[in-house]
Amino acid sequence: SLQYLGAQALPLKVLSIVSTLWRCGPTSVLEGIVRG
């Protein structure tokens, strides 16, 4: 949607914020997102 509206040229900088990278479910979810 941001690209479609012409809001920002690529690449888009995405910041993911978490408490820590302790090995748990949320960290696994985050890993799957950023690695993709």
PDB file of all heavy atoms in Angstrom:
ATOM      1  N   SER A   1       0.826  -1.195   0.000  1.00  0.00           N
ATOM      2  CA  SER A   1       0.000   0.000   0.000  1.00  0.00           C
ATOM      3  C   SER A   1       0.867   1.254   0.000  1.00  0.00           C
ATOM      4  O   SER A   1       0.568   2.226  -0.690  1.00  0.00           O
ATOM      5  CB  SER A   1      -0.928   0.007   1.223  1.00  0.00           C
ATOM      6  OG  SER A   1      -1.812  -1.095   1.177  1.00  0.00           O
ATOM      7  N   LEU A   2       1.957   1.244   0.776  1.00  0.00           N
ATOM      8  CA  LEU A   2       2.869   2.388   0.798  1.00  0.00           C
ATOM      9  C   LEU A   2       3.485   2.603  -0.581  1.00  0.00           C
ATOM     10  O   LEU A   2       3.586   3.730  -1.068  1.00  0.00           O
ATOM     11  CB  LEU A   2       3.978   2.158   1.828  1.00  0.00           C
ATOM     12  CG  LEU A   2       3.567   2.207   3.293  1.00  0.00           C
ATOM     13  CD1 LEU A   2       4.748   1.786   4.151  1.00  0.00           C
ATOM     14  CD2 LEU A   2       3.088   3.593   3.686  1.00  0.00           C
ATOM     15  N   GLN A   3       3.882   1.520  -1.229  1.00  0.00           N
ATOM     16  CA  GLN A   3       4.465   1.627  -2.558  1.00  0.00           C
ATOM     17  C   GLN A   3       3.431   2.136  -3.555  1.00  0.00           C
ATOM     18  O   GLN A   3       3.720   2.981  -4.408  1.00  0.00           O
ATOM     19  CB  GLN A   3       5.000   0.264  -3.012  1.00  0.00           C
ATOM     20  CG  GLN A   3       6.117  -0.265  -2.129  1.00  0.00           C
ATOM     21  CD  GLN A   3       6.444  -1.702  -2.457  1.00  0.00           C
ATOM     22  OE1 GLN A   3       5.713  -2.343  -3.207  1.00  0.00           O
ATOM     23  NE2 GLN A   3       7.508  -2.202  -1.899  1.00  0.00           N
ATOM     24  N   TYR A   4       2.230   1.605  -3.461  1.00  0.00           N
ATOM     25  CA  TYR A   4       1.161   1.954  -4.394  1.00  0.00           C
ATOM     26  C   TYR A   4       0.838   3.441  -4.317  1.00  0.00           C
ATOM     27  O   TYR A   4       0.546   4.087  -5.311  1.00  0.00           O
ATOM     28  CB  TYR A   4      -0.077   1.122  -4.061  1.00  0.00           C
ATOM     29  CG  TYR A   4      -1.247   1.355  -4.994  1.00  0.00           C
ATOM     30  CD1 TYR A   4      -1.170   0.941  -6.323  1.00  0.00           C
ATOM     31  CD2 TYR A   4      -2.408   1.965  -4.542  1.00  0.00           C
ATOM     32  CE1 TYR A   4      -2.241   1.124  -7.177  1.00  0.00           C
ATOM     33  CE2 TYR A   4      -3.473   2.155  -5.393  1.00  0.00           C
ATOM     34  CZ  TYR A   4      -3.394   1.735  -6.712  1.00  0.00           C
ATOM     35  OH  TYR A   4      -4.452   1.919  -7.545  1.00  0.00           O
ATOM     36  N   LEU A   5       0.902   4.004  -3.106  1.00  0.00           N
ATOM     37  CA  LEU A   5       0.616   5.417  -2.917  1.00  0.00           C
ATOM     38  C   LEU A   5       1.814   6.303  -3.221  1.00  0.00           C
ATOM     39  O   LEU A   5       1.739   7.521  -3.119  1.00  0.00           O
ATOM     40  CB  LEU A   5       0.157   5.650  -1.467  1.00  0.00           C
ATOM     41  CG  LEU A   5      -1.172   4.995  -1.089  1.00  0.00           C
ATOM     42  CD1 LEU A   5      -1.431   5.178   0.393  1.00  0.00           C
ATOM     43  CD2 LEU A   5      -2.312   5.577  -1.908  1.00  0.00           C
ATOM     44  N   GLY A   6       2.944   5.685  -3.554  1.00  0.00           N
ATOM     45  CA  GLY A   6       4.133   6.452  -3.884  1.00  0.00           C
ATOM     46  C   GLY A   6       4.743   7.119  -2.667  1.00  0.00           C
ATOM     47  O   GLY A   6       5.370   8.166  -2.761  1.00  0.00           O
ATOM     48  N   ALA A   7       4.589   6.493  -1.472  1.00  0.00           N
ATOM     49  CA  ALA A   7       5.035   7.140  -0.241  1.00  0.00           C
ATOM     50  C   ALA A   7       6.540   7.073  -0.068  1.00  0.00           C
ATOM     51  O   ALA A   7       7.133   7.919   0.574  1.00  0.00           O
ATOM     52  CB  ALA A   7       4.349   6.491   0.964  1.00  0.00           C
ATOM     53  N   GLN A   8       7.179   6.040  -0.614  1.00  0.00           N
ATOM     54  CA  GLN A   8       8.607   5.889  -0.342  1.00  0.00           C
ATOM     55  C   GLN A   8       9.253   5.043  -1.439  1.00  0.00           C
ATOM     56  O   GLN A   8       8.687   4.052  -1.878  1.00  0.00           O
ATOM     57  CB  GLN A   8       8.795   5.197   1.014  1.00  0.00           C
ATOM     58  CG  GLN A   8      10.220   4.852   1.355  1.00  0.00           C
ATOM     59  CD  GLN A   8      11.051   6.100   1.577  1.00  0.00           C
ATOM     60  OE1 GLN A   8      10.582   7.044   2.179  1.00  0.00           O
ATOM     61  NE2 GLN A   8      12.272   6.098   1.087  1.00  0.00           N
ATOM     62  N   ALA A   9      10.438   5.438  -1.874  1.00  0.00           N
ATOM     63  CA  ALA A   9      11.174   4.653  -2.843  1.00  0.00           C
ATOM     64  C   ALA A   9      11.758   3.430  -2.152  1.00  0.00           C
ATOM     65  O   ALA A   9      12.038   3.455  -0.961  1.00  0.00           O
ATOM     66  CB  ALA A   9      12.288   5.498  -3.459  1.00  0.00           C
ATOM     67  N   LEU A  10      11.953   2.364  -2.909  1.00  0.00           N
ATOM     68  CA  LEU A  10      12.519   1.136  -2.363  1.00  0.00           C
ATOM     69  C   LEU A  10      14.027   1.298  -2.174  1.00  0.00           C
ATOM     70  O   LEU A  10      14.661   2.075  -2.871  1.00  0.00           O
ATOM     71  CB  LEU A  10      12.222  -0.019  -3.316  1.00  0.00           C
ATOM     72  CG  LEU A  10      10.742  -0.331  -3.533  1.00  0.00           C
ATOM     73  CD1 LEU A  10      10.604  -1.437  -4.562  1.00  0.00           C
ATOM     74  CD2 LEU A  10      10.070  -0.722  -2.238  1.00  0.00           C
ATOM     75  N   PRO A  11      14.673   0.529  -1.279  1.00  0.00           N
ATOM     76  CA  PRO A  11      14.028  -0.419  -0.356  1.00  0.00           C
ATOM     77  C   PRO A  11      13.439   0.281   0.866  1.00  0.00           C
ATOM     78  O   PRO A  11      13.958   1.310   1.303  1.00  0.00           O
ATOM     79  CB  PRO A  11      15.186  -1.334   0.061  1.00  0.00           C
ATOM     80  CG  PRO A  11      16.378  -0.442  -0.005  1.00  0.00           C
ATOM     81  CD  PRO A  11      16.137   0.502  -1.161  1.00  0.00           C
ATOM     82  N   LEU A  12      12.374  -0.281   1.388  1.00  0.00           N
ATOM     83  CA  LEU A  12      11.753   0.250   2.593  1.00  0.00           C
ATOM     84  C   LEU A  12      12.513  -0.245   3.825  1.00  0.00           C
ATOM     85  O   LEU A  12      12.857  -1.422   3.915  1.00  0.00           O
ATOM     86  CB  LEU A  12      10.292  -0.202   2.680  1.00  0.00           C
ATOM     87  CG  LEU A  12       9.344   0.366   1.617  1.00  0.00           C
ATOM     88  CD1 LEU A  12       7.983  -0.286   1.737  1.00  0.00           C
ATOM     89  CD2 LEU A  12       9.219   1.870   1.773  1.00  0.00           C
ATOM     90  N   LYS A  13      12.754   0.643   4.751  1.00  0.00           N
ATOM     91  CA  LYS A  13      13.453   0.288   5.985  1.00  0.00           C
ATOM     92  C   LYS A  13      12.426  -0.089   7.041  1.00  0.00           C
ATOM     93  O   LYS A  13      11.598   0.730   7.438  1.00  0.00           O
ATOM     94  CB  LYS A  13      14.304   1.457   6.471  1.00  0.00           C
ATOM     95  CG  LYS A  13      15.425   1.841   5.511  1.00  0.00           C
ATOM     96  CD  LYS A  13      16.237   2.992   6.056  1.00  0.00           C
ATOM     97  CE  LYS A  13      17.358   3.379   5.094  1.00  0.00           C
ATOM     98  NZ  LYS A  13      18.161   4.515   5.613  1.00  0.00           N
ATOM     99  N   VAL A  14      12.495  -1.341   7.487  1.00  0.00           N
ATOM    100  CA  VAL A  14      11.530  -1.870   8.445  1.00  0.00           C
ATOM    101  C   VAL A  14      12.234  -2.143   9.768  1.00  0.00           C
ATOM    102  O   VAL A  14      13.213  -2.891   9.819  1.00  0.00           O
ATOM    103  CB  VAL A  14      10.876  -3.165   7.923  1.00  0.00           C
ATOM    104  CG1 VAL A  14       9.796  -3.644   8.886  1.00  0.00           C
ATOM    105  CG2 VAL A  14      10.280  -2.941   6.534  1.00  0.00           C
ATOM    106  N   LEU A  15      11.720  -1.541  10.844  1.00  0.00           N
ATOM    107  CA  LEU A  15      12.285  -1.758  12.183  1.00  0.00           C
ATOM    108  C   LEU A  15      11.343  -2.634  12.993  1.00  0.00           C
ATOM    109  O   LEU A  15      10.197  -2.272  13.224  1.00  0.00           O
ATOM    110  CB  LEU A  15      12.488  -0.427  12.903  1.00  0.00           C
ATOM    111  CG  LEU A  15      13.024  -0.519  14.335  1.00  0.00           C
ATOM    112  CD1 LEU A  15      14.455  -1.061  14.335  1.00  0.00           C
ATOM    113  CD2 LEU A  15      12.961   0.839  15.027  1.00  0.00           C
ATOM    114  N   SER A  16      11.835  -3.796  13.420  1.00  0.00           N
ATOM    115  CA  SER A  16      11.061  -4.696  14.284  1.00  0.00           C
ATOM    116  C   SER A  16      11.540  -4.520  15.719  1.00  0.00           C
ATOM    117  O   SER A  16      12.741  -4.605  15.988  1.00  0.00           O
ATOM    118  CB  SER A  16      11.248  -6.151  13.843  1.00  0.00           C
ATOM    119  OG  SER A  16      10.785  -6.342  12.524  1.00  0.00           O
ATOM    120  N   ILE A  17      10.603  -4.288  16.643  1.00  0.00           N
ATOM    121  CA  ILE A  17      10.948  -3.994  18.031  1.00  0.00           C
ATOM    122  C   ILE A  17      10.447  -5.120  18.929  1.00  0.00           C
ATOM    123  O   ILE A  17       9.263  -5.470  18.898  1.00  0.00           O
ATOM    124  CB  ILE A  17      10.336  -2.656  18.480  1.00  0.00           C
ATOM    125  CG1 ILE A  17      10.707  -1.542  17.501  1.00  0.00           C
ATOM    126  CG2 ILE A  17      10.794  -2.306  19.884  1.00  0.00           C
ATOM    127  CD1 ILE A  17       9.956  -0.245  17.749  1.00  0.00           C
ATOM    128  N   VAL A  18      11.349  -5.679  19.741  1.00  0.00           N
ATOM    129  CA  VAL A  18      11.007  -6.731  20.695  1.00  0.00           C
ATOM    130  C   VAL A  18      11.715  -6.439  22.017  1.00  0.00           C
ATOM    131  O   VAL A  18      12.639  -5.629  22.071  1.00  0.00           O
ATOM    132  CB  VAL A  18      11.432  -8.126  20.182  1.00  0.00           C
ATOM    133  CG1 VAL A  18      10.623  -8.539  18.977  1.00  0.00           C
ATOM    134  CG2 VAL A  18      12.925  -8.149  19.850  1.00  0.00           C
ATOM    135  N   SER A  19      11.276  -7.112  23.078  1.00  0.00           N
ATOM    136  CA  SER A  19      11.952  -6.933  24.369  1.00  0.00           C
ATOM    137  C   SER A  19      13.359  -7.513  24.318  1.00  0.00           C
ATOM    138  O   SER A  19      14.345  -6.845  24.641  1.00  0.00           O
ATOM    139  CB  SER A  19      11.140  -7.598  25.486  1.00  0.00           C
ATOM    140  OG  SER A  19       9.929  -6.902  25.690  1.00  0.00           O
ATOM    141  N   THR A  20      13.464  -8.795  23.942  1.00  0.00           N
ATOM    142  CA  THR A  20      14.760  -9.458  23.751  1.00  0.00           C
ATOM    143  C   THR A  20      14.599 -10.494  22.656  1.00  0.00           C
ATOM    144  O   THR A  20      13.491 -10.739  22.169  1.00  0.00           O
ATOM    145  CB  THR A  20      15.253 -10.175  25.033  1.00  0.00           C
ATOM    146  OG1 THR A  20      14.410 -11.318  25.290  1.00  0.00           O
ATOM    147  CG2 THR A  20      15.242  -9.250  26.242  1.00  0.00           C
ATOM    148  N   LEU A  21      15.705 -11.127  22.297  1.00  0.00           N
ATOM    149  CA  LEU A  21      15.679 -12.225  21.337  1.00  0.00           C
ATOM    150  C   LEU A  21      15.788 -13.563  22.050  1.00  0.00           C
ATOM    151  O   LEU A  21      16.391 -14.511  21.535  1.00  0.00           O
ATOM    152  CB  LEU A  21      16.804 -12.054  20.312  1.00  0.00           C
ATOM    153  CG  LEU A  21      16.624 -10.877  19.347  1.00  0.00           C
ATOM    154  CD1 LEU A  21      17.845 -10.734  18.444  1.00  0.00           C
ATOM    155  CD2 LEU A  21      15.356 -11.031  18.516  1.00  0.00           C
ATOM    156  N   TRP A  22      15.204 -13.637  23.245  1.00  0.00           N
ATOM    157  CA  TRP A  22      15.118 -14.913  23.963  1.00  0.00           C
ATOM    158  C   TRP A  22      14.435 -15.936  23.075  1.00  0.00           C
ATOM    159  O   TRP A  22      13.468 -15.632  22.376  1.00  0.00           O
ATOM    160  CB  TRP A  22      14.319 -14.699  25.250  1.00  0.00           C
ATOM    161  CG  TRP A  22      14.065 -15.952  26.028  1.00  0.00           C
ATOM    162  CD1 TRP A  22      14.980 -16.827  26.504  1.00  0.00           C
ATOM    163  CD2 TRP A  22      12.784 -16.471  26.426  1.00  0.00           C
ATOM    164  NE1 TRP A  22      14.380 -17.862  27.188  1.00  0.00           N
ATOM    165  CE2 TRP A  22      13.029 -17.661  27.149  1.00  0.00           C
ATOM    166  CE3 TRP A  22      11.475 -16.029  26.249  1.00  0.00           C
ATOM    167  CZ2 TRP A  22      11.991 -18.435  27.684  1.00  0.00           C
ATOM    168  CZ3 TRP A  22      10.441 -16.796  26.780  1.00  0.00           C
ATOM    169  CH2 TRP A  22      10.713 -17.983  27.488  1.00  0.00           C
ATOM    170  N   ARG A  23      14.946 -17.168  23.065  1.00  0.00           N
ATOM    171  CA  ARG A  23      14.423 -18.204  22.182  1.00  0.00           C
ATOM    172  C   ARG A  23      13.021 -18.630  22.648  1.00  0.00           C
ATOM    173  O   ARG A  23      12.876 -19.388  23.609  1.00  0.00           O
ATOM    174  CB  ARG A  23      15.351 -19.411  22.145  1.00  0.00           C
ATOM    175  CG  ARG A  23      16.716 -19.081  21.545  1.00  0.00           C
ATOM    176  CD  ARG A  23      17.591 -20.314  21.425  1.00  0.00           C
ATOM    177  NE  ARG A  23      18.926 -19.981  20.969  1.00  0.00           N
ATOM    178  CZ  ARG A  23      19.265 -19.821  19.697  1.00  0.00           C
ATOM    179  NH1 ARG A  23      18.350 -19.975  18.754  1.00  0.00           N
ATOM    180  NH2 ARG A  23      20.508 -19.511  19.357  1.00  0.00           N
ATOM    181  N   CYS A  24      12.027 -18.108  21.960  1.00  0.00           N
ATOM    182  CA  CYS A  24      10.632 -18.406  22.305  1.00  0.00           C
ATOM    183  C   CYS A  24       9.786 -18.223  21.051  1.00  0.00           C
ATOM    184  O   CYS A  24      10.309 -17.894  19.979  1.00  0.00           O
ATOM    185  CB  CYS A  24      10.152 -17.490  23.429  1.00  0.00           C
ATOM    186  SG  CYS A  24      10.251 -15.736  23.030  1.00  0.00           S
ATOM    187  N   GLY A  25       8.477 -18.438  21.185  1.00  0.00           N
ATOM    188  CA  GLY A  25       7.577 -18.349  20.039  1.00  0.00           C
ATOM    189  C   GLY A  25       7.633 -17.027  19.295  1.00  0.00           C
ATOM    190  O   GLY A  25       7.802 -17.008  18.058  1.00  0.00           O
ATOM    191  N   PRO A  26       7.485 -15.881  19.990  1.00  0.00           N
ATOM    192  CA  PRO A  26       7.548 -14.592  19.281  1.00  0.00           C
ATOM    193  C   PRO A  26       8.849 -14.363  18.523  1.00  0.00           C
ATOM    194  O   PRO A  26       8.840 -13.790  17.428  1.00  0.00           O
ATOM    195  CB  PRO A  26       7.378 -13.578  20.423  1.00  0.00           C
ATOM    196  CG  PRO A  26       6.559 -14.297  21.438  1.00  0.00           C
ATOM    197  CD  PRO A  26       7.056 -15.716  21.384  1.00  0.00           C
ATOM    198  N   THR A  27       9.964 -14.832  19.083  1.00  0.00           N
ATOM    199  CA  THR A  27      11.242 -14.678  18.381  1.00  0.00           C
ATOM    200  C   THR A  27      11.269 -15.530  17.117  1.00  0.00           C
ATOM    201  O   THR A  27      11.801 -15.107  16.081  1.00  0.00           O
ATOM    202  CB  THR A  27      12.417 -15.071  19.305  1.00  0.00           C
ATOM    203  OG1 THR A  27      12.420 -14.209  20.449  1.00  0.00           O
ATOM    204  CG2 THR A  27      13.748 -14.946  18.588  1.00  0.00           C
ATOM    205  N   SER A  28      10.674 -16.721  17.185  1.00  0.00           N
ATOM    206  CA  SER A  28      10.599 -17.575  15.990  1.00  0.00           C
ATOM    207  C   SER A  28       9.743 -16.923  14.912  1.00  0.00           C
ATOM    208  O   SER A  28      10.055 -16.996  13.720  1.00  0.00           O
ATOM    209  CB  SER A  28      10.024 -18.946  16.358  1.00  0.00           C
ATOM    210  OG  SER A  28      10.872 -19.625  17.267  1.00  0.00           O
ATOM    211  N   VAL A  29       8.627 -16.294  15.336  1.00  0.00           N
ATOM    212  CA  VAL A  29       7.771 -15.577  14.383  1.00  0.00           C
ATOM    213  C   VAL A  29       8.551 -14.439  13.727  1.00  0.00           C
ATOM    214  O   VAL A  29       8.527 -14.264  12.502  1.00  0.00           O
ATOM    215  CB  VAL A  29       6.512 -15.030  15.092  1.00  0.00           C
ATOM    216  CG1 VAL A  29       5.717 -14.122  14.147  1.00  0.00           C
ATOM    217  CG2 VAL A  29       5.633 -16.171  15.578  1.00  0.00           C
ATOM    218  N   LEU A  30       9.261 -13.669  14.538  1.00  0.00           N
ATOM    219  CA  LEU A  30      10.048 -12.559  14.016  1.00  0.00           C
ATOM    220  C   LEU A  30      11.109 -13.050  13.042  1.00  0.00           C
ATOM    221  O   LEU A  30      11.325 -12.454  11.974  1.00  0.00           O
ATOM    222  CB  LEU A  30      10.711 -11.796  15.172  1.00  0.00           C
ATOM    223  CG  LEU A  30      11.687 -10.694  14.796  1.00  0.00           C
ATOM    224  CD1 LEU A  30      10.995  -9.611  13.974  1.00  0.00           C
ATOM    225  CD2 LEU A  30      12.328 -10.099  16.041  1.00  0.00           C
ATOM    226  N   GLU A  31      11.776 -14.128  13.400  1.00  0.00           N
ATOM    227  CA  GLU A  31      12.811 -14.680  12.523  1.00  0.00           C
ATOM    228  C   GLU A  31      12.234 -15.056  11.164  1.00  0.00           C
ATOM    229  O   GLU A  31      12.822 -14.767  10.115  1.00  0.00           O
ATOM    230  CB  GLU A  31      13.458 -15.911  13.166  1.00  0.00           C
ATOM    231  CG  GLU A  31      14.517 -16.571  12.306  1.00  0.00           C
ATOM    232  CD  GLU A  31      15.078 -17.836  12.940  1.00  0.00           C
ATOM    233  OE1 GLU A  31      15.180 -17.879  14.176  1.00  0.00           O
ATOM    234  OE2 GLU A  31      15.409 -18.771  12.187  1.00  0.00           O
ATOM    235  N   GLY A  32      11.057 -15.702  11.180  1.00  0.00           N
ATOM    236  CA  GLY A  32      10.436 -16.088   9.920  1.00  0.00           C
ATOM    237  C   GLY A  32      10.098 -14.892   9.045  1.00  0.00           C
ATOM    238  O   GLY A  32      10.193 -14.960   7.814  1.00  0.00           O
ATOM    239  N   ILE A  33       9.730 -13.783   9.687  1.00  0.00           N
ATOM    240  CA  ILE A  33       9.371 -12.578   8.930  1.00  0.00           C
ATOM    241  C   ILE A  33      10.599 -11.940   8.296  1.00  0.00           C
ATOM    242  O   ILE A  33      10.656 -11.709   7.087  1.00  0.00           O
ATOM    243  CB  ILE A  33       8.649 -11.570   9.844  1.00  0.00           C
ATOM    244  CG1 ILE A  33       7.293 -12.131  10.292  1.00  0.00           C
ATOM    245  CG2 ILE A  33       8.455 -10.240   9.118  1.00  0.00           C
ATOM    246  CD1 ILE A  33       6.607 -11.291  11.345  1.00  0.00           C
ATOM    247  N   VAL A  34      11.617 -11.639   9.118  1.00  0.00           N
ATOM    248  CA  VAL A  34      12.759 -10.880   8.595  1.00  0.00           C
ATOM    249  C   VAL A  34      13.613 -11.706   7.639  1.00  0.00           C
ATOM    250  O   VAL A  34      14.216 -11.149   6.708  1.00  0.00           O
ATOM    251  CB  VAL A  34      13.619 -10.313   9.748  1.00  0.00           C
ATOM    252  CG1 VAL A  34      12.810  -9.341  10.586  1.00  0.00           C
ATOM    253  CG2 VAL A  34      14.196 -11.432  10.615  1.00  0.00           C
ATOM    254  N   ARG A  35      13.666 -13.014   7.834  1.00  0.00           N
ATOM    255  CA  ARG A  35      14.443 -13.848   6.912  1.00  0.00           C
ATOM    256  C   ARG A  35      13.777 -13.924   5.550  1.00  0.00           C
ATOM    257  O   ARG A  35      14.441 -14.214   4.543  1.00  0.00           O
ATOM    258  CB  ARG A  35      14.616 -15.257   7.477  1.00  0.00           C
ATOM    259  CG  ARG A  35      15.557 -15.332   8.662  1.00  0.00           C
ATOM    260  CD  ARG A  35      15.883 -16.770   9.009  1.00  0.00           C
ATOM    261  NE  ARG A  35      16.668 -17.416   7.969  1.00  0.00           N
ATOM    262  CZ  ARG A  35      17.034 -18.695   7.997  1.00  0.00           C
ATOM    263  NH1 ARG A  35      16.678 -19.462   9.018  1.00  0.00           N
ATOM    264  NH2 ARG A  35      17.749 -19.209   7.023  1.00  0.00           N
ATOM    265  N   GLY A  36      12.472 -13.676   5.513  1.00  0.00           N
ATOM    266  CA  GLY A  36      11.753 -13.748   4.250  1.00  0.00           C
ATOM    267  C   GLY A  36      11.783 -12.478   3.431  1.00  0.00           C
ATOM    268  O   GLY A  36      11.312 -12.460   2.294  1.00  0.00           O
TER     269      GLY A  36
END
